[in-house]
Amino acid sequence: MGPQLHTMSNLFAQLGLPNQEGEVERFIASHRPLDNEIALYRAPFWSEAQRAFLKEEIIEDADWAPVIDDLNRRLR
Protein backbone atom coordinates (compact mmCIF):
# COMPACT_ATOMS: atom_id res chain seq x y z
CA MET A 1 0.00 0.00 0.00
CA GLY A 2 1.31 3.43 -0.89
CA PRO A 3 1.35 6.54 1.26
CA GLN A 4 -1.92 7.67 2.78
CA LEU A 5 -3.61 10.08 0.37
CA HIS A 6 -5.80 11.86 2.89
CA THR A 7 -5.27 13.31 6.34
CA MET A 8 -7.59 13.46 9.31
CA SER A 9 -7.92 17.19 8.70
CA ASN A 10 -8.94 16.50 5.08
CA LEU A 11 -11.51 13.95 6.25
CA PHE A 12 -13.07 16.41 8.68
CA ALA A 13 -13.22 19.03 5.95
CA GLN A 14 -14.84 16.48 3.61
CA LEU A 15 -17.42 15.77 6.33
CA GLY A 16 -18.12 19.48 6.72
CA LEU A 17 -16.66 19.60 10.23
CA PRO A 18 -14.12 21.99 11.76
CA ASN A 19 -10.79 20.57 10.66
CA GLN A 20 -8.02 22.32 12.55
CA GLU A 21 -5.92 19.95 14.69
CA GLY A 22 -7.35 21.11 18.02
CA GLU A 23 -10.91 20.95 16.68
CA VAL A 24 -10.39 17.41 15.42
CA GLU A 25 -9.00 16.34 18.79
CA ARG A 26 -11.94 17.98 20.62
CA PHE A 27 -14.42 16.18 18.36
CA ILE A 28 -12.78 12.83 19.02
CA ALA A 29 -12.56 13.43 22.77
CA SER A 30 -16.19 14.50 22.99
CA HIS A 31 -17.51 11.49 21.04
CA ARG A 32 -15.47 8.71 22.54
CA PRO A 33 -15.68 6.02 23.58
CA LEU A 34 -17.87 4.75 20.77
CA ASP A 35 -19.35 1.36 21.66
CA ASN A 36 -17.62 -1.44 19.77
CA GLU A 37 -21.03 -2.82 18.79
CA ILE A 38 -21.79 0.31 16.72
CA ALA A 39 -20.34 0.57 13.23
CA LEU A 40 -18.57 3.91 12.79
CA TYR A 41 -20.98 5.12 10.12
CA ARG A 42 -23.96 4.30 12.39
CA ALA A 43 -22.76 6.50 15.25
CA PRO A 44 -25.52 8.89 16.32
CA PHE A 45 -23.46 12.04 15.85
CA TRP A 46 -23.24 11.85 12.03
CA SER A 47 -25.66 13.50 9.64
CA GLU A 48 -27.24 11.34 6.94
CA ALA A 49 -24.79 12.69 4.34
CA GLN A 50 -21.78 12.04 6.60
CA ARG A 51 -23.07 8.55 7.37
CA ALA A 52 -23.51 7.73 3.67
CA PHE A 53 -20.02 9.01 2.80
CA LEU A 54 -18.32 7.01 5.57
CA LYS A 55 -20.21 3.82 4.72
CA GLU A 56 -19.55 4.06 0.99
CA GLU A 57 -15.85 4.80 1.37
CA ILE A 58 -15.31 1.87 3.73
CA ILE A 59 -17.35 -0.59 1.65
CA GLU A 60 -15.47 0.38 -1.51
CA ASP A 61 -12.13 0.38 0.33
CA ALA A 62 -11.61 3.75 -1.35
CA ASP A 63 -8.77 6.24 -0.91
CA TRP A 64 -10.44 7.56 2.23
CA ALA A 65 -10.59 4.13 3.93
CA PRO A 66 -7.24 4.31 5.80
CA VAL A 67 -8.00 7.65 7.44
CA ILE A 68 -11.57 6.54 8.23
CA ASP A 69 -10.11 3.42 9.85
CA ASP A 70 -7.82 5.65 11.88
CA LEU A 71 -10.77 7.77 13.02
CA ASN A 72 -12.64 4.59 13.93
CA ARG A 73 -9.74 3.41 16.10
CA ARG A 74 -9.38 6.78 17.77
CA LEU A 75 -13.07 6.90 18.65
CA ARG A 76 -13.03 3.50 20.37
PDB file of N, CA and C in Angstrom:
ATOM      1  N   MET A   1       0.845  -1.180   0.000  1.00  0.00           N
ATOM      2  CA  MET A   1       0.000   0.000   0.000  1.00  0.00           C
ATOM      3  C   MET A   1       0.886   1.237   0.000  1.00  0.00           C
ATOM      4  N   GLY A   2       0.535   2.209  -0.780  1.00  0.00           N
ATOM      5  CA  GLY A   2       1.308   3.433  -0.890  1.00  0.00           C
ATOM      6  C   GLY A   2       1.038   4.372   0.272  1.00  0.00           C
ATOM      7  N   PRO A   3       1.569   5.564   0.191  1.00  0.00           N
ATOM      8  CA  PRO A   3       1.348   6.537   1.263  1.00  0.00           C
ATOM      9  C   PRO A   3      -0.122   6.927   1.344  1.00  0.00           C
ATOM     10  N   GLN A   4      -0.523   7.260   2.552  1.00  0.00           N
ATOM     11  CA  GLN A   4      -1.915   7.669   2.776  1.00  0.00           C
ATOM     12  C   GLN A   4      -2.199   8.947   1.993  1.00  0.00           C
ATOM     13  N   LEU A   5      -3.281   8.947   1.225  1.00  0.00           N
ATOM     14  CA  LEU A   5      -3.613  10.076   0.374  1.00  0.00           C
ATOM     15  C   LEU A   5      -4.301  11.214   1.124  1.00  0.00           C
ATOM     16  N   HIS A   6      -5.008  10.865   2.179  1.00  0.00           N
ATOM     17  CA  HIS A   6      -5.804  11.861   2.889  1.00  0.00           C
ATOM     18  C   HIS A   6      -5.373  11.942   4.357  1.00  0.00           C
ATOM     19  N   THR A   7      -5.577  13.095   4.926  1.00  0.00           N
ATOM     20  CA  THR A   7      -5.267  13.306   6.339  1.00  0.00           C
ATOM     21  C   THR A   7      -6.557  13.383   7.136  1.00  0.00           C
ATOM     22  N   MET A   8      -6.432  13.322   8.440  1.00  0.00           N
ATOM     23  CA  MET A   8      -7.594  13.463   9.311  1.00  0.00           C
ATOM     24  C   MET A   8      -8.234  14.836   9.101  1.00  0.00           C
ATOM     25  N   SER A   9      -7.409  15.838   8.951  1.00  0.00           N
ATOM     26  CA  SER A   9      -7.922  17.187   8.702  1.00  0.00           C
ATOM     27  C   SER A   9      -8.721  17.235   7.401  1.00  0.00           C
ATOM     28  N   ASN A  10      -8.212  16.575   6.350  1.00  0.00           N
ATOM     29  CA  ASN A  10      -8.941  16.502   5.082  1.00  0.00           C
ATOM     30  C   ASN A  10     -10.269  15.787   5.247  1.00  0.00           C
ATOM     31  N   LEU A  11     -10.270  14.704   6.023  1.00  0.00           N
ATOM     32  CA  LEU A  11     -11.509  13.950   6.250  1.00  0.00           C
ATOM     33  C   LEU A  11     -12.544  14.826   6.943  1.00  0.00           C
ATOM     34  N   PHE A  12     -12.131  15.545   7.958  1.00  0.00           N
ATOM     35  CA  PHE A  12     -13.075  16.405   8.681  1.00  0.00           C
ATOM     36  C   PHE A  12     -13.609  17.499   7.761  1.00  0.00           C
ATOM     37  N   ALA A  13     -12.760  18.038   6.910  1.00  0.00           N
ATOM     38  CA  ALA A  13     -13.224  19.034   5.949  1.00  0.00           C
ATOM     39  C   ALA A  13     -14.233  18.404   4.990  1.00  0.00           C
ATOM     40  N   GLN A  14     -13.945  17.203   4.512  1.00  0.00           N
ATOM     41  CA  GLN A  14     -14.845  16.484   3.611  1.00  0.00           C
ATOM     42  C   GLN A  14     -16.204  16.242   4.273  1.00  0.00           C
ATOM     43  N   LEU A  15     -16.186  16.007   5.586  1.00  0.00           N
ATOM     44  CA  LEU A  15     -17.422  15.766   6.332  1.00  0.00           C
ATOM     45  C   LEU A  15     -18.128  17.062   6.721  1.00  0.00           C
ATOM     46  N   GLY A  16     -17.513  18.196   6.394  1.00  0.00           N
ATOM     47  CA  GLY A  16     -18.116  19.481   6.721  1.00  0.00           C
ATOM     48  C   GLY A  16     -17.960  19.862   8.183  1.00  0.00           C
ATOM     49  N   LEU A  17     -16.923  19.335   8.812  1.00  0.00           N
ATOM     50  CA  LEU A  17     -16.661  19.602  10.229  1.00  0.00           C
ATOM     51  C   LEU A  17     -15.439  20.503  10.369  1.00  0.00           C
ATOM     52  N   PRO A  18     -15.340  21.209  11.510  1.00  0.00           N
ATOM     53  CA  PRO A  18     -14.116  21.985  11.759  1.00  0.00           C
ATOM     54  C   PRO A  18     -12.910  21.047  11.655  1.00  0.00           C
ATOM     55  N   ASN A  19     -11.874  21.505  10.962  1.00  0.00           N
ATOM     56  CA  ASN A  19     -10.791  20.573  10.658  1.00  0.00           C
ATOM     57  C   ASN A  19      -9.402  20.999  11.123  1.00  0.00           C
ATOM     58  N   GLN A  20      -9.318  21.988  11.975  1.00  0.00           N
ATOM     59  CA  GLN A  20      -8.022  22.317  12.549  1.00  0.00           C
ATOM     60  C   GLN A  20      -7.663  21.256  13.586  1.00  0.00           C
ATOM     61  N   GLU A  21      -6.373  21.039  13.823  1.00  0.00           N
ATOM     62  CA  GLU A  21      -5.924  19.952  14.685  1.00  0.00           C
ATOM     63  C   GLU A  21      -6.635  19.939  16.046  1.00  0.00           C
ATOM     64  N   GLY A  22      -6.701  21.058  16.712  1.00  0.00           N
ATOM     65  CA  GLY A  22      -7.348  21.115  18.022  1.00  0.00           C
ATOM     66  C   GLY A  22      -8.830  20.798  17.935  1.00  0.00           C
ATOM     67  N   GLU A  23      -9.474  21.219  16.866  1.00  0.00           N
ATOM     68  CA  GLU A  23     -10.905  20.950  16.681  1.00  0.00           C
ATOM     69  C   GLU A  23     -11.151  19.463  16.432  1.00  0.00           C
ATOM     70  N   VAL A  24     -10.281  18.845  15.674  1.00  0.00           N
ATOM     71  CA  VAL A  24     -10.388  17.407  15.419  1.00  0.00           C
ATOM     72  C   VAL A  24     -10.229  16.652  16.732  1.00  0.00           C
ATOM     73  N   GLU A  25      -9.229  17.015  17.511  1.00  0.00           N
ATOM     74  CA  GLU A  25      -8.996  16.341  18.792  1.00  0.00           C
ATOM     75  C   GLU A  25     -10.177  16.530  19.749  1.00  0.00           C
ATOM     76  N   ARG A  26     -10.760  17.729  19.767  1.00  0.00           N
ATOM     77  CA  ARG A  26     -11.937  17.977  20.620  1.00  0.00           C
ATOM     78  C   ARG A  26     -13.126  17.120  20.178  1.00  0.00           C
ATOM     79  N   PHE A  27     -13.333  17.018  18.874  1.00  0.00           N
ATOM     80  CA  PHE A  27     -14.423  16.185  18.355  1.00  0.00           C
ATOM     81  C   PHE A  27     -14.243  14.745  18.825  1.00  0.00           C
ATOM     82  N   ILE A  28     -13.055  14.215  18.631  1.00  0.00           N
ATOM     83  CA  ILE A  28     -12.782  12.831  19.020  1.00  0.00           C
ATOM     84  C   ILE A  28     -12.977  12.645  20.518  1.00  0.00           C
ATOM     85  N   ALA A  29     -12.433  13.537  21.312  1.00  0.00           N
ATOM     86  CA  ALA A  29     -12.555  13.426  22.768  1.00  0.00           C
ATOM     87  C   ALA A  29     -14.011  13.502  23.223  1.00  0.00           C
ATOM     88  N   SER A  30     -14.808  14.326  22.558  1.00  0.00           N
ATOM     89  CA  SER A  30     -16.192  14.502  22.991  1.00  0.00           C
ATOM     90  C   SER A  30     -17.115  13.381  22.509  1.00  0.00           C
ATOM     91  N   HIS A  31     -16.658  12.551  21.576  1.00  0.00           N
ATOM     92  CA  HIS A  31     -17.508  11.488  21.043  1.00  0.00           C
ATOM     93  C   HIS A  31     -16.997  10.085  21.364  1.00  0.00           C
ATOM     94  N   ARG A  32     -15.977  10.016  22.172  1.00  0.00           N
ATOM     95  CA  ARG A  32     -15.469   8.706  22.537  1.00  0.00           C
ATOM     96  C   ARG A  32     -15.806   8.394  23.977  1.00  0.00           C
ATOM     97  N   PRO A  33     -15.905   7.197  24.399  1.00  0.00           N
ATOM     98  CA  PRO A  33     -15.679   6.019  23.576  1.00  0.00           C
ATOM     99  C   PRO A  33     -16.946   5.609  22.825  1.00  0.00           C
ATOM    100  N   LEU A  34     -16.778   5.260  21.580  1.00  0.00           N
ATOM    101  CA  LEU A  34     -17.869   4.746  20.766  1.00  0.00           C
ATOM    102  C   LEU A  34     -17.946   3.245  21.021  1.00  0.00           C
ATOM    103  N   ASP A  35     -19.124   2.773  21.364  1.00  0.00           N
ATOM    104  CA  ASP A  35     -19.349   1.361  21.663  1.00  0.00           C
ATOM    105  C   ASP A  35     -18.873   0.501  20.493  1.00  0.00           C
ATOM    106  N   ASN A  36     -18.148  -0.550  20.804  1.00  0.00           N
ATOM    107  CA  ASN A  36     -17.616  -1.444  19.767  1.00  0.00           C
ATOM    108  C   ASN A  36     -18.711  -2.132  18.964  1.00  0.00           C
ATOM    109  N   GLU A  37     -19.913  -2.183  19.490  1.00  0.00           N
ATOM    110  CA  GLU A  37     -21.034  -2.821  18.788  1.00  0.00           C
ATOM    111  C   GLU A  37     -21.613  -1.923  17.693  1.00  0.00           C
ATOM    112  N   ILE A  38     -21.243  -0.643  17.688  1.00  0.00           N
ATOM    113  CA  ILE A  38     -21.789   0.314  16.721  1.00  0.00           C
ATOM    114  C   ILE A  38     -20.773   0.539  15.609  1.00  0.00           C
ATOM    115  N   ALA A  39     -21.202   0.274  14.378  1.00  0.00           N
ATOM    116  CA  ALA A  39     -20.341   0.574  13.229  1.00  0.00           C
ATOM    117  C   ALA A  39     -20.100   2.077  13.189  1.00  0.00           C
ATOM    118  N   LEU A  40     -18.914   2.479  12.797  1.00  0.00           N
ATOM    119  CA  LEU A  40     -18.569   3.906  12.794  1.00  0.00           C
ATOM    120  C   LEU A  40     -19.627   4.738  12.081  1.00  0.00           C
ATOM    121  N   TYR A  41     -20.034   4.314  10.896  1.00  0.00           N
ATOM    122  CA  TYR A  41     -20.978   5.118  10.118  1.00  0.00           C
ATOM    123  C   TYR A  41     -22.369   5.170  10.753  1.00  0.00           C
ATOM    124  N   ARG A  42     -22.656   4.302  11.712  1.00  0.00           N
ATOM    125  CA  ARG A  42     -23.958   4.303  12.394  1.00  0.00           C
ATOM    126  C   ARG A  42     -23.950   5.109  13.691  1.00  0.00           C
ATOM    127  N   ALA A  43     -22.832   5.700  14.025  1.00  0.00           N
ATOM    128  CA  ALA A  43     -22.757   6.498  15.252  1.00  0.00           C
ATOM    129  C   ALA A  43     -23.795   7.620  15.185  1.00  0.00           C
ATOM    130  N   PRO A  44     -24.412   7.929  16.311  1.00  0.00           N
ATOM    131  CA  PRO A  44     -25.525   8.887  16.318  1.00  0.00           C
ATOM    132  C   PRO A  44     -25.136  10.333  16.030  1.00  0.00           C
ATOM    133  N   PHE A  45     -23.863  10.644  16.033  1.00  0.00           N
ATOM    134  CA  PHE A  45     -23.457  12.040  15.855  1.00  0.00           C
ATOM    135  C   PHE A  45     -23.237  12.440  14.398  1.00  0.00           C
ATOM    136  N   TRP A  46     -23.396  11.512  13.445  1.00  0.00           N
ATOM    137  CA  TRP A  46     -23.236  11.848  12.034  1.00  0.00           C
ATOM    138  C   TRP A  46     -24.557  12.284  11.417  1.00  0.00           C
ATOM    139  N   SER A  47     -24.480  13.160  10.441  1.00  0.00           N
ATOM    140  CA  SER A  47     -25.656  13.500   9.643  1.00  0.00           C
ATOM    141  C   SER A  47     -25.858  12.365   8.631  1.00  0.00           C
ATOM    142  N   GLU A  48     -26.987  12.364   7.954  1.00  0.00           N
ATOM    143  CA  GLU A  48     -27.241  11.337   6.939  1.00  0.00           C
ATOM    144  C   GLU A  48     -26.178  11.375   5.838  1.00  0.00           C
ATOM    145  N   ALA A  49     -25.798  12.561   5.402  1.00  0.00           N
ATOM    146  CA  ALA A  49     -24.791  12.692   4.344  1.00  0.00           C
ATOM    147  C   ALA A  49     -23.427  12.175   4.824  1.00  0.00           C
ATOM    148  N   GLN A  50     -23.051  12.511   6.044  1.00  0.00           N
ATOM    149  CA  GLN A  50     -21.782  12.037   6.596  1.00  0.00           C
ATOM    150  C   GLN A  50     -21.797  10.522   6.710  1.00  0.00           C
ATOM    151  N   ARG A  51     -22.907   9.993   7.208  1.00  0.00           N
ATOM    152  CA  ARG A  51     -23.070   8.547   7.371  1.00  0.00           C
ATOM    153  C   ARG A  51     -22.909   7.838   6.018  1.00  0.00           C
ATOM    154  N   ALA A  52     -23.570   8.345   4.995  1.00  0.00           N
ATOM    155  CA  ALA A  52     -23.509   7.733   3.665  1.00  0.00           C
ATOM    156  C   ALA A  52     -22.082   7.772   3.115  1.00  0.00           C
ATOM    157  N   PHE A  53     -21.403   8.886   3.279  1.00  0.00           N
ATOM    158  CA  PHE A  53     -20.024   9.008   2.798  1.00  0.00           C
ATOM    159  C   PHE A  53     -19.124   7.989   3.490  1.00  0.00           C
ATOM    160  N   LEU A  54     -19.176   7.933   4.817  1.00  0.00           N
ATOM    161  CA  LEU A  54     -18.321   7.013   5.566  1.00  0.00           C
ATOM    162  C   LEU A  54     -18.586   5.566   5.161  1.00  0.00           C
ATOM    163  N   LYS A  55     -19.848   5.190   5.072  1.00  0.00           N
ATOM    164  CA  LYS A  55     -20.206   3.821   4.719  1.00  0.00           C
ATOM    165  C   LYS A  55     -19.699   3.465   3.321  1.00  0.00           C
ATOM    166  N   GLU A  56     -19.951   4.326   2.365  1.00  0.00           N
ATOM    167  CA  GLU A  56     -19.550   4.063   0.987  1.00  0.00           C
ATOM    168  C   GLU A  56     -18.039   3.932   0.855  1.00  0.00           C
ATOM    169  N   GLU A  57     -17.311   4.822   1.492  1.00  0.00           N
ATOM    170  CA  GLU A  57     -15.851   4.799   1.368  1.00  0.00           C
ATOM    171  C   GLU A  57     -15.244   3.549   1.992  1.00  0.00           C
ATOM    172  N   ILE A  58     -15.811   3.089   3.093  1.00  0.00           N
ATOM    173  CA  ILE A  58     -15.306   1.874   3.734  1.00  0.00           C
ATOM    174  C   ILE A  58     -15.666   0.645   2.896  1.00  0.00           C
ATOM    175  N   ILE A  59     -16.915   0.560   2.446  1.00  0.00           N
ATOM    176  CA  ILE A  59     -17.346  -0.594   1.650  1.00  0.00           C
ATOM    177  C   ILE A  59     -16.514  -0.720   0.380  1.00  0.00           C
ATOM    178  N   GLU A  60     -16.240   0.399  -0.265  1.00  0.00           N
ATOM    179  CA  GLU A  60     -15.475   0.379  -1.509  1.00  0.00           C
ATOM    180  C   GLU A  60     -13.964   0.308  -1.281  1.00  0.00           C
ATOM    181  N   ASP A  61     -13.549   0.344  -0.015  1.00  0.00           N
ATOM    182  CA  ASP A  61     -12.126   0.383   0.328  1.00  0.00           C
ATOM    183  C   ASP A  61     -11.428   1.460  -0.503  1.00  0.00           C
ATOM    184  N   ALA A  62     -12.061   2.616  -0.537  1.00  0.00           N
ATOM    185  CA  ALA A  62     -11.607   3.751  -1.347  1.00  0.00           C
ATOM    186  C   ALA A  62     -10.400   4.443  -0.711  1.00  0.00           C
ATOM    187  N   ASP A  63      -9.941   5.491  -1.384  1.00  0.00           N
ATOM    188  CA  ASP A  63      -8.771   6.243  -0.907  1.00  0.00           C
ATOM    189  C   ASP A  63      -8.944   6.761   0.513  1.00  0.00           C
ATOM    190  N   TRP A  64     -10.179   7.024   0.899  1.00  0.00           N
ATOM    191  CA  TRP A  64     -10.443   7.558   2.229  1.00  0.00           C
ATOM    192  C   TRP A  64     -10.395   6.481   3.319  1.00  0.00           C
ATOM    193  N   ALA A  65     -10.466   5.208   2.945  1.00  0.00           N
ATOM    194  CA  ALA A  65     -10.589   4.134   3.932  1.00  0.00           C
ATOM    195  C   ALA A  65      -9.513   4.147   5.024  1.00  0.00           C
ATOM    196  N   PRO A  66      -8.229   4.329   4.714  1.00  0.00           N
ATOM    197  CA  PRO A  66      -7.236   4.306   5.797  1.00  0.00           C
ATOM    198  C   PRO A  66      -7.459   5.385   6.862  1.00  0.00           C
ATOM    199  N   VAL A  67      -7.805   6.588   6.458  1.00  0.00           N
ATOM    200  CA  VAL A  67      -7.997   7.648   7.445  1.00  0.00           C
ATOM    201  C   VAL A  67      -9.325   7.445   8.195  1.00  0.00           C
ATOM    202  N   ILE A  68     -10.316   6.868   7.540  1.00  0.00           N
ATOM    203  CA  ILE A  68     -11.566   6.542   8.230  1.00  0.00           C
ATOM    204  C   ILE A  68     -11.310   5.441   9.256  1.00  0.00           C
ATOM    205  N   ASP A  69     -10.494   4.458   8.897  1.00  0.00           N
ATOM    206  CA  ASP A  69     -10.112   3.415   9.850  1.00  0.00           C
ATOM    207  C   ASP A  69      -9.388   4.013  11.051  1.00  0.00           C
ATOM    208  N   ASP A  70      -8.530   4.979  10.794  1.00  0.00           N
ATOM    209  CA  ASP A  70      -7.815   5.653  11.884  1.00  0.00           C
ATOM    210  C   ASP A  70      -8.806   6.382  12.798  1.00  0.00           C
ATOM    211  N   LEU A  71      -9.753   7.089  12.217  1.00  0.00           N
ATOM    212  CA  LEU A  71     -10.775   7.766  13.020  1.00  0.00           C
ATOM    213  C   LEU A  71     -11.555   6.747  13.838  1.00  0.00           C
ATOM    214  N   ASN A  72     -11.910   5.647  13.225  1.00  0.00           N
ATOM    215  CA  ASN A  72     -12.640   4.594  13.927  1.00  0.00           C
ATOM    216  C   ASN A  72     -11.863   4.117  15.150  1.00  0.00           C
ATOM    217  N   ARG A  73     -10.585   3.841  14.970  1.00  0.00           N
ATOM    218  CA  ARG A  73      -9.736   3.410  16.097  1.00  0.00           C
ATOM    219  C   ARG A  73      -9.676   4.466  17.193  1.00  0.00           C
ATOM    220  N   ARG A  74      -9.524   5.706  16.784  1.00  0.00           N
ATOM    221  CA  ARG A  74      -9.377   6.781  17.773  1.00  0.00           C
ATOM    222  C   ARG A  74     -10.667   7.048  18.547  1.00  0.00           C
ATOM    223  N   LEU A  75     -11.795   6.699  17.967  1.00  0.00           N
ATOM    224  CA  LEU A  75     -13.068   6.900  18.646  1.00  0.00           C
ATOM    225  C   LEU A  75     -13.425   5.762  19.590  1.00  0.00           C
ATOM    226  N   ARG A  76     -12.704   4.673  19.534  1.00  0.00           N
ATOM    227  CA  ARG A  76     -13.028   3.495  20.371  1.00  0.00           C
ATOM    228  C   ARG A  76     -12.432   3.575  21.727  1.00  0.00           C
TER     229      ARG A  76
END
